[in-house]
């Protein structure tokens, strides 16, 4: 059977809030830049597949968009 305990819920070590905030900020930056790169990749793939631009132009477009996006963020 389950034991019913009474008392404080937090029995472990205290939270390191500075480290938690650094990890959260790193996650948010990774999500932001990752989403940006995926969107630019999809745009470049669409240009390469559905136009007569070709593979090399789509790679160049991806590089230009990625560098521009990183500089704007």
Protein backbone atom coordinates (compact mmCIF):
# COMPACT_ATOMS: atom_id res chain seq x y z
CA UNK A 1 0.00 0.00 0.00
CA UNK A 2 1.04 3.58 -0.52
CA UNK A 3 2.52 5.42 2.39
CA UNK A 4 1.08 8.79 3.29
CA UNK A 5 3.78 11.10 4.53
CA UNK A 6 3.30 14.48 6.05
CA UNK A 7 5.90 17.22 6.10
CA UNK A 8 7.76 19.38 3.61
CA UNK A 9 7.70 18.28 -0.01
CA UNK A 10 11.20 19.57 -0.78
CA UNK A 11 13.69 17.42 1.03
CA UNK A 12 16.53 17.68 -1.48
CA UNK A 13 19.15 20.32 -2.07
CA UNK A 14 18.02 23.91 -2.63
CA UNK A 15 17.49 25.04 -6.22
CA UNK A 16 20.32 26.78 -8.04
CA UNK A 17 18.21 29.47 -9.71
CA UNK A 18 21.10 31.15 -11.57
CA UNK A 19 22.03 27.86 -13.24
CA UNK A 20 18.37 27.18 -13.99
CA UNK A 21 17.99 30.57 -15.68
CA UNK A 22 21.17 30.04 -17.73
CA UNK A 23 19.89 26.65 -18.91
CA UNK A 24 16.50 28.13 -19.79
CA UNK A 25 18.07 31.00 -21.74
CA UNK A 26 20.27 28.54 -23.65
CA UNK A 27 17.21 26.41 -24.48
CA UNK A 28 15.27 29.45 -25.72
CA UNK A 29 18.20 30.56 -27.92
CA UNK A 30 18.57 27.05 -29.32
CA UNK A 31 14.87 26.83 -30.10
CA UNK A 32 14.89 30.27 -31.74
CA UNK A 33 17.93 29.66 -33.93
CA UNK A 34 16.95 26.07 -34.68
CA UNK A 35 13.51 27.13 -35.87
CA UNK A 36 15.05 29.87 -37.98
CA UNK A 37 17.49 27.46 -39.65
CA UNK A 38 14.73 24.92 -40.37
CA UNK A 39 12.51 27.61 -41.94
CA UNK A 40 15.38 28.84 -44.10
CA UNK A 41 16.17 25.26 -45.12
CA UNK A 42 12.55 24.69 -46.17
CA UNK A 43 12.53 27.93 -48.17
CA UNK A 44 15.78 26.98 -49.92
CA UNK A 45 14.51 23.48 -50.67
CA UNK A 46 11.30 24.89 -52.14
CA UNK A 47 13.29 27.26 -54.36
CA UNK A 48 15.56 24.44 -55.49
CA UNK A 49 12.77 21.95 -56.19
CA UNK A 50 9.98 24.10 -57.63
CA UNK A 51 11.92 26.60 -59.70
CA UNK A 52 14.60 26.28 -62.34
CA UNK A 53 17.18 27.83 -59.97
CA UNK A 54 18.91 24.54 -59.23
CA UNK A 55 20.81 22.99 -56.36
CA UNK A 56 23.74 25.39 -56.15
CA UNK A 57 21.51 28.45 -56.05
CA UNK A 58 19.40 26.92 -53.28
CA UNK A 59 22.53 26.16 -51.23
CA UNK A 60 23.75 29.71 -51.75
CA UNK A 61 20.31 31.06 -50.79
CA UNK A 62 20.34 28.95 -47.61
CA UNK A 63 23.76 30.28 -46.63
CA UNK A 64 22.77 33.89 -47.31
CA UNK A 65 19.50 33.57 -45.39
CA UNK A 66 21.20 31.85 -42.45
CA UNK A 67 23.95 34.44 -42.14
CA UNK A 68 21.44 37.27 -42.50
CA UNK A 69 19.11 35.75 -39.93
CA UNK A 70 21.89 35.22 -37.40
CA UNK A 71 23.05 38.81 -37.86
CA UNK A 72 19.50 40.13 -37.40
CA UNK A 73 18.95 38.15 -34.20
